[in-house]
Amino acid sequence: MPRNLELTLACGDYDITRALIDGGVAPKGIDLTVLTYPSPERHWRMSRGREFDICELSLATYITLHDRGTFPLLAVPAFPHRRFRHGFIFVNTAAGIREPKQLEGRRVGLRTWTTTAGLWARGILQDDHGVDLSTIDWVTQDEEDVDVDLGERYRLRRTAEGDSVTAMLERGDLDALIYPDPVGSVERGDPRVARLFPDPKAAEIEHFSRTGFFPLMHTVVIKRWIVEANPWVARNVLDAFEISKERAFRAMRDPRRVSLAWWREALEEQERVLGSDPWSYDFEANRPALEAMIRWSHEQGMISKAFPAADLFAPTTLDRLPAYV
């Protein structure tokens, strides 16, 4: 009897990956060693060091790396992390910025240019609000996961060593900030910092109703040589991620699982607004969002040319997933 492949998986510790992490679900034919790391470290270690066999990776990073020609990773259309992004654009209140168009000509901070959160926010500002991204003075905090050359179209510089874009925003050295996570100043109620969109949830619902986009942040990549030597691996990995997700959503329907008073109402609201499966791992359902990300990556200097979204994924994973119960 053939032995299972012994592979490592690095991913985030989420409800929808919990069954993979605790061993309740495993891809057929694979013995997984699961390692949980926070996103920046996990992305860096995979994009720079190829340290894991399977990895949840920043989608913008993967798109950028895929453009470099022969590339040793291949994705499956599992998307373990999504997040709406209107609520993660912040302004210094003294800058007088009341609408997105007023970002033009200003100093705007980013963690990095190739962060997926930044790609989505810039794409939304450009497409929905007509912001000319080339007029902005961009300031990044961290070294890029993937080196990019933006040429002369975009003005980009790094913060001083030891400084941070969040501190610069508070001091007024930046007029605005696009950041992957909540910033402490807003959570503390610091009057110097506010969200660009005062009601981000309403803006996000409007954006979804018009575009159908629930922004994809991460995908799952596998070392290409593993898939080439064992073509069944990609599909089995995707199936396992799907089963883990389905188990998590079934568990959410048990009101004893989560200690929040109106948890059921929140889940029902999500289904009313976003549909029955907003976390879909079906390629065709996600193709429009992927095509937008590829277009923005090209327009924003991260890739040399646009390419078909299907090129990102193992061919065996492009068919519709079976219904798991």
Foldseek 3Di string as FASTA:
>chain_A
DDAAAEFEEEEADDQLCVCVQVVVFDQPRYDYDYHYDDQVVQQLCCLPPVPGQKYWYFPLSLLLQVQPPDHFKFFFLAFPDFADFLQQKKFFVVLPQQALQVQFQFEEEEQDCSQLSNLVVVLCSCPVVVHQQQRYAYEHEDDDSDDFDQDNSHHYYYDDPPDHPLVCRQVVVGGMYRYPDDDPCVVVVPNRMDRSDNPVVVVRLVVCVVQVDRGGTITMMGGNVVCVVPVVVNVSVLVRSVVSNVVSVVVQVPVVPDPDPCSVVVVVVCCVRNNDCNSDSACVSCQVNQQSSQVSCCVRRSHVDRDHSPVRHRPVNNDGDDDDD
